[in-house]
Amino acid sequence: GKHRIVIPCLGHFKEEYEKVSKLYMNNKIRTTRYTLLNFLPRNLFEQFHRVANLYFLFLVVLNWVPVVEAFQKEITMLPLIGVLTIIAVKDGLEDYSRYKMDKQINNLVTKVYSR
């Protein structure tokens, strides 16, 4: 199998280290759920797993049927849009704070001791 090469000093062996380290996974910590590209679809997917949000979505869709229409269409959508927006902002802020903490942890200086 493959053997891992450990280069203890980056000063003189930086080029060799970069060449060898591309073959292996890094050990960075990542606890965030979202990226900029998948935030909106993934967040909406998670929010519509809640029964209350599905109920409000059902009311919005039902209100678009002319026979059943009870309120103006825009008024029915306001509670759902408000809840989805507030939860999305909260999730985004929490994920951003996790990103900052991960970045801080990944940039810590470490010491490696050997026998």
N, C-alpha and C. Protein backbone atom coordinates (compact mmCIF):
# COMPACT_ATOMS: atom_id res chain seq x y z
N GLY A 1 0.81 -1.19 0.00
CA GLY A 1 0.00 0.00 0.00
C GLY A 1 0.85 1.25 0.00
N LYS A 2 0.19 2.37 0.18
CA LYS A 2 0.89 3.65 0.23
C LYS A 2 1.51 3.86 1.60
N HIS A 3 2.65 4.49 1.61
CA HIS A 3 3.29 4.88 2.85
C HIS A 3 3.27 6.39 2.93
N ARG A 4 3.01 6.89 4.09
CA ARG A 4 2.96 8.33 4.26
C ARG A 4 4.34 8.84 4.58
N ILE A 5 4.73 9.93 3.94
CA ILE A 5 6.02 10.56 4.17
C ILE A 5 5.79 11.76 5.07
N VAL A 6 6.48 11.80 6.19
CA VAL A 6 6.36 12.91 7.13
C VAL A 6 7.61 13.77 7.01
N ILE A 7 7.40 15.04 6.72
CA ILE A 7 8.52 15.97 6.57
C ILE A 7 8.46 16.94 7.75
N PRO A 8 9.39 16.85 8.70
CA PRO A 8 9.29 17.60 9.94
C PRO A 8 9.56 19.09 9.81
N CYS A 9 10.35 19.51 8.86
CA CYS A 9 10.75 20.91 8.77
C CYS A 9 10.32 21.46 7.41
N LEU A 10 9.46 22.47 7.42
CA LEU A 10 8.99 23.01 6.16
C LEU A 10 10.00 23.97 5.51
N GLY A 11 10.91 24.49 6.27
CA GLY A 11 11.84 25.50 5.76
C GLY A 11 12.54 25.09 4.48
N HIS A 12 13.29 24.02 4.51
CA HIS A 12 14.08 23.60 3.36
C HIS A 12 13.31 22.67 2.44
N PHE A 13 12.26 22.03 2.94
CA PHE A 13 11.57 21.00 2.18
C PHE A 13 10.16 21.43 1.78
N LYS A 14 9.91 22.73 1.64
CA LYS A 14 8.56 23.22 1.38
C LYS A 14 8.01 22.68 0.05
N GLU A 15 8.80 22.68 -1.01
CA GLU A 15 8.33 22.19 -2.31
C GLU A 15 8.01 20.71 -2.24
N GLU A 16 8.86 19.94 -1.58
CA GLU A 16 8.62 18.50 -1.46
C GLU A 16 7.38 18.24 -0.62
N TYR A 17 7.18 19.02 0.44
CA TYR A 17 6.00 18.87 1.29
C TYR A 17 4.73 19.13 0.49
N GLU A 18 4.72 20.21 -0.30
CA GLU A 18 3.52 20.54 -1.07
C GLU A 18 3.21 19.46 -2.10
N LYS A 19 4.25 18.89 -2.71
CA LYS A 19 4.05 17.83 -3.71
C LYS A 19 3.47 16.57 -3.06
N VAL A 20 4.00 16.19 -1.91
CA VAL A 20 3.56 14.96 -1.22
C VAL A 20 2.21 15.15 -0.56
N SER A 21 1.93 16.33 -0.01
CA SER A 21 0.70 16.54 0.76
C SER A 21 -0.54 16.59 -0.12
N LYS A 22 -0.39 16.76 -1.42
CA LYS A 22 -1.56 16.76 -2.31
C LYS A 22 -2.18 15.38 -2.41
N LEU A 23 -1.45 14.34 -2.08
CA LEU A 23 -1.95 12.98 -2.19
C LEU A 23 -2.88 12.58 -1.05
N TYR A 24 -2.90 13.35 0.04
CA TYR A 24 -3.64 12.96 1.24
C TYR A 24 -4.69 14.00 1.59
N MET A 25 -5.69 13.57 2.32
CA MET A 25 -6.72 14.47 2.82
C MET A 25 -6.13 15.38 3.89
N ASN A 26 -6.66 16.60 3.98
CA ASN A 26 -6.20 17.48 5.05
C ASN A 26 -6.98 17.18 6.32
N ASN A 27 -6.55 17.76 7.41
CA ASN A 27 -7.22 17.50 8.69
C ASN A 27 -7.91 18.75 9.22
N LYS A 28 -8.44 19.54 8.32
CA LYS A 28 -9.17 20.74 8.74
C LYS A 28 -10.53 20.35 9.30
N ILE A 29 -10.95 21.11 10.30
CA ILE A 29 -12.24 20.90 10.93
C ILE A 29 -13.27 21.73 10.17
N ARG A 30 -14.42 21.10 9.87
CA ARG A 30 -15.50 21.82 9.20
C ARG A 30 -16.82 21.39 9.84
N THR A 31 -17.42 22.31 10.60
CA THR A 31 -18.68 22.01 11.25
C THR A 31 -19.85 22.77 10.63
N THR A 32 -19.60 23.54 9.58
CA THR A 32 -20.67 24.30 8.95
C THR A 32 -21.56 23.38 8.13
N ARG A 33 -22.81 23.77 8.00
CA ARG A 33 -23.78 22.98 7.23
C ARG A 33 -23.88 23.48 5.79
N TYR A 34 -23.68 24.78 5.60
CA TYR A 34 -23.99 25.40 4.32
C TYR A 34 -22.74 25.97 3.66
N THR A 35 -22.84 26.15 2.34
CA THR A 35 -21.90 26.96 1.59
C THR A 35 -22.73 28.07 0.95
N LEU A 36 -22.08 29.01 0.29
CA LEU A 36 -22.84 30.08 -0.35
C LEU A 36 -23.74 29.54 -1.47
N LEU A 37 -23.31 28.48 -2.12
CA LEU A 37 -24.08 27.94 -3.24
C LEU A 37 -25.29 27.11 -2.79
N ASN A 38 -25.16 26.40 -1.68
CA ASN A 38 -26.25 25.51 -1.29
C ASN A 38 -27.08 26.04 -0.12
N PHE A 39 -26.87 27.27 0.31
CA PHE A 39 -27.59 27.77 1.48
C PHE A 39 -29.10 27.80 1.27
N LEU A 40 -29.55 28.45 0.22
CA LEU A 40 -30.99 28.62 0.03
C LEU A 40 -31.71 27.30 -0.21
N PRO A 41 -31.27 26.46 -1.15
CA PRO A 41 -32.02 25.21 -1.34
C PRO A 41 -31.97 24.27 -0.14
N ARG A 42 -30.81 24.18 0.50
CA ARG A 42 -30.70 23.27 1.63
C ARG A 42 -31.49 23.78 2.83
N ASN A 43 -31.47 25.09 3.06
CA ASN A 43 -32.21 25.66 4.17
C ASN A 43 -33.70 25.49 3.96
N LEU A 44 -34.20 25.73 2.75
CA LEU A 44 -35.62 25.54 2.48
C LEU A 44 -36.01 24.07 2.62
N PHE A 45 -35.14 23.18 2.18
CA PHE A 45 -35.40 21.74 2.32
C PHE A 45 -35.54 21.36 3.79
N GLU A 46 -34.65 21.90 4.65
CA GLU A 46 -34.73 21.60 6.08
C GLU A 46 -35.95 22.23 6.72
N GLN A 47 -36.31 23.44 6.29
CA GLN A 47 -37.45 24.12 6.91
C GLN A 47 -38.78 23.44 6.55
N PHE A 48 -38.87 22.89 5.35
CA PHE A 48 -40.13 22.26 4.97
C PHE A 48 -40.24 20.83 5.49
N HIS A 49 -39.29 20.42 6.30
CA HIS A 49 -39.45 19.16 7.03
C HIS A 49 -40.24 19.39 8.32
N ARG A 50 -40.48 20.63 8.65
CA ARG A 50 -41.30 20.96 9.83
C ARG A 50 -42.77 20.96 9.42
N VAL A 51 -43.59 20.36 10.22
CA VAL A 51 -45.01 20.20 9.90
C VAL A 51 -45.71 21.55 9.84
N ALA A 52 -45.36 22.48 10.70
CA ALA A 52 -46.02 23.78 10.71
C ALA A 52 -45.77 24.53 9.40
N ASN A 53 -44.56 24.46 8.87
CA ASN A 53 -44.27 25.14 7.61
C ASN A 53 -45.02 24.48 6.45
N LEU A 54 -45.15 23.18 6.49
CA LEU A 54 -45.93 22.49 5.45
C LEU A 54 -47.41 22.87 5.53
N TYR A 55 -47.90 23.05 6.74
CA TYR A 55 -49.29 23.46 6.93
C TYR A 55 -49.53 24.84 6.31
N PHE A 56 -48.64 25.80 6.61
CA PHE A 56 -48.79 27.14 6.04
C PHE A 56 -48.62 27.12 4.53
N LEU A 57 -47.74 26.28 4.01
CA LEU A 57 -47.59 26.15 2.56
C LEU A 57 -48.87 25.59 1.95
N PHE A 58 -49.47 24.61 2.62
CA PHE A 58 -50.75 24.06 2.15
C PHE A 58 -51.82 25.14 2.10
N LEU A 59 -51.88 26.00 3.13
CA LEU A 59 -52.86 27.09 3.13
C LEU A 59 -52.63 28.07 1.99
N VAL A 60 -51.36 28.35 1.69
CA VAL A 60 -51.04 29.27 0.60
C VAL A 60 -51.49 28.66 -0.73
N VAL A 61 -51.17 27.39 -0.95
CA VAL A 61 -51.55 26.72 -2.20
C VAL A 61 -53.07 26.62 -2.30
N LEU A 62 -53.70 26.30 -1.20
CA LEU A 62 -55.16 26.17 -1.20
C LEU A 62 -55.83 27.51 -1.49
N ASN A 63 -55.25 28.59 -1.05
CA ASN A 63 -55.82 29.91 -1.26
C ASN A 63 -55.70 30.36 -2.72
N TRP A 64 -54.86 29.72 -3.51
CA TRP A 64 -54.74 30.05 -4.93
C TRP A 64 -55.86 29.39 -5.75
N VAL A 65 -56.58 28.46 -5.16
CA VAL A 65 -57.73 27.84 -5.84
C VAL A 65 -58.90 28.81 -5.71
N PRO A 66 -59.47 29.26 -6.84
CA PRO A 66 -60.52 30.29 -6.79
C PRO A 66 -61.76 29.89 -5.98
N VAL A 67 -62.13 28.63 -5.97
CA VAL A 67 -63.34 28.19 -5.27
C VAL A 67 -63.15 28.28 -3.75
N VAL A 68 -61.93 28.02 -3.27
CA VAL A 68 -61.66 27.96 -1.84
C VAL A 68 -61.09 29.27 -1.30
N GLU A 69 -60.75 30.18 -2.16
CA GLU A 69 -60.06 31.41 -1.76
C GLU A 69 -60.80 32.12 -0.63
N ALA A 70 -60.11 32.27 0.52
CA ALA A 70 -60.72 32.90 1.69
C ALA A 70 -60.17 34.31 1.92
N PHE A 71 -58.89 34.50 1.65
CA PHE A 71 -58.25 35.80 1.85
C PHE A 71 -57.60 36.22 0.55
N GLN A 72 -57.01 37.38 0.58
CA GLN A 72 -56.18 37.77 -0.56
C GLN A 72 -54.96 36.87 -0.58
N LYS A 73 -54.48 36.56 -1.76
CA LYS A 73 -53.37 35.62 -1.89
C LYS A 73 -52.10 36.11 -1.19
N GLU A 74 -51.84 37.39 -1.27
CA GLU A 74 -50.63 37.95 -0.67
C GLU A 74 -50.65 37.87 0.86
N ILE A 75 -51.81 38.07 1.44
CA ILE A 75 -51.93 38.05 2.90
C ILE A 75 -51.65 36.64 3.44
N THR A 76 -52.08 35.62 2.74
CA THR A 76 -51.86 34.25 3.18
C THR A 76 -50.38 33.89 3.14
N MET A 77 -49.64 34.48 2.22
CA MET A 77 -48.22 34.16 2.07
C MET A 77 -47.34 34.87 3.11
N LEU A 78 -47.81 35.95 3.70
CA LEU A 78 -46.99 36.73 4.63
C LEU A 78 -46.48 35.93 5.84
N PRO A 79 -47.33 35.17 6.55
CA PRO A 79 -46.79 34.42 7.70
C PRO A 79 -45.72 33.41 7.29
N LEU A 80 -45.94 32.70 6.20
CA LEU A 80 -44.97 31.71 5.75
C LEU A 80 -43.65 32.36 5.34
N ILE A 81 -43.73 33.42 4.56
CA ILE A 81 -42.51 34.11 4.13
C ILE A 81 -41.79 34.71 5.33
N GLY A 82 -42.53 35.27 6.28
CA GLY A 82 -41.91 35.84 7.47
C GLY A 82 -41.17 34.79 8.29
N VAL A 83 -41.81 33.67 8.54
CA VAL A 83 -41.18 32.60 9.33
C VAL A 83 -39.96 32.04 8.60
N LEU A 84 -40.09 31.78 7.30
CA LEU A 84 -38.97 31.24 6.53
C LEU A 84 -37.78 32.20 6.52
N THR A 85 -38.06 33.49 6.40
CA THR A 85 -36.99 34.48 6.37
C THR A 85 -36.28 34.57 7.72
N ILE A 86 -37.04 34.64 8.80
CA ILE A 86 -36.44 34.75 10.13
C ILE A 86 -35.59 33.53 10.45
N ILE A 87 -36.09 32.34 10.15
CA ILE A 87 -35.33 31.12 10.43
C ILE A 87 -34.09 31.04 9.55
N ALA A 88 -34.20 31.48 8.28
CA ALA A 88 -33.05 31.45 7.38
C ALA A 88 -31.96 32.41 7.86
N VAL A 89 -32.34 33.58 8.32
CA VAL A 89 -31.35 34.54 8.85
C VAL A 89 -30.69 33.97 10.10
N LYS A 90 -31.49 33.38 10.98
CA LYS A 90 -30.93 32.77 12.20
C LYS A 90 -29.95 31.65 11.85
N ASP A 91 -30.35 30.77 10.95
CA ASP A 91 -29.47 29.66 10.55
C ASP A 91 -28.20 30.17 9.87
N GLY A 92 -28.34 31.20 9.05
CA GLY A 92 -27.18 31.78 8.38
C GLY A 92 -26.19 32.38 9.37
N LEU A 93 -26.70 33.10 10.36
CA LEU A 93 -25.82 33.69 11.37
C LEU A 93 -25.14 32.62 12.22
N GLU A 94 -25.87 31.59 12.60
CA GLU A 94 -25.27 30.50 13.37
C GLU A 94 -24.19 29.78 12.57
N ASP A 95 -24.46 29.55 11.28
CA ASP A 95 -23.49 28.86 10.44
C ASP A 95 -22.25 29.73 10.21
N TYR A 96 -22.45 31.04 10.10
CA TYR A 96 -21.31 31.94 9.94
C TYR A 96 -20.44 31.96 11.19
N SER A 97 -21.06 31.92 12.37
CA SER A 97 -20.27 31.88 13.60
C SER A 97 -19.52 30.55 13.71
N ARG A 98 -20.12 29.44 13.25
CA ARG A 98 -19.41 28.17 13.20
C ARG A 98 -18.23 28.25 12.23
N TYR A 99 -18.42 28.91 11.10
CA TYR A 99 -17.34 29.07 10.12
C TYR A 99 -16.17 29.85 10.72
N LYS A 100 -16.48 30.94 11.44
CA LYS A 100 -15.41 31.72 12.07
C LYS A 100 -14.67 30.91 13.13
N MET A 101 -15.40 30.10 13.91
CA MET A 101 -14.77 29.27 14.94
C MET A 101 -13.90 28.19 14.29
N ASP A 102 -14.39 27.58 13.21
CA ASP A 102 -13.59 26.58 12.49
C ASP A 102 -12.30 27.20 11.95
N LYS A 103 -12.43 28.40 11.40
CA LYS A 103 -11.25 29.08 10.85
C LYS A 103 -10.24 29.37 11.96
N GLN A 104 -10.72 29.79 13.12
CA GLN A 104 -9.84 30.07 14.25
C GLN A 104 -9.15 28.79 14.72
N ILE A 105 -9.87 27.70 14.82
CA ILE A 105 -9.29 26.43 15.27
C ILE A 105 -8.30 25.89 14.24
N ASN A 106 -8.63 26.00 12.95
CA ASN A 106 -7.75 25.48 11.91
C ASN A 106 -6.46 26.27 11.77
N ASN A 107 -6.43 27.50 12.26
CA ASN A 107 -5.23 28.32 12.16
C ASN A 107 -4.40 28.35 13.44
N LEU A 108 -4.74 27.50 14.41
CA LEU A 108 -3.95 27.43 15.63
C LEU A 108 -2.58 26.82 15.35
N VAL A 109 -1.59 27.33 16.05
CA VAL A 109 -0.25 26.75 15.95
C VAL A 109 -0.19 25.53 16.85
N THR A 110 0.32 24.45 16.34
CA THR A 110 0.40 23.22 17.12
C THR A 110 1.84 22.76 17.22
N LYS A 111 2.11 21.98 18.22
CA LYS A 111 3.44 21.38 18.39
C LYS A 111 3.28 19.86 18.31
N VAL A 112 4.21 19.23 17.65
CA VAL A 112 4.20 17.78 17.54
C VAL A 112 5.39 17.24 18.28
N TYR A 113 5.14 16.35 19.23
CA TYR A 113 6.20 15.75 20.01
C TYR A 113 6.39 14.31 19.57
N SER A 114 7.62 13.88 19.53
CA SER A 114 7.89 12.47 19.23
C SER A 114 8.88 11.95 20.25
N ARG A 115 8.92 10.67 20.38
CA ARG A 115 9.78 10.05 21.38
C ARG A 115 11.20 10.14 20.95
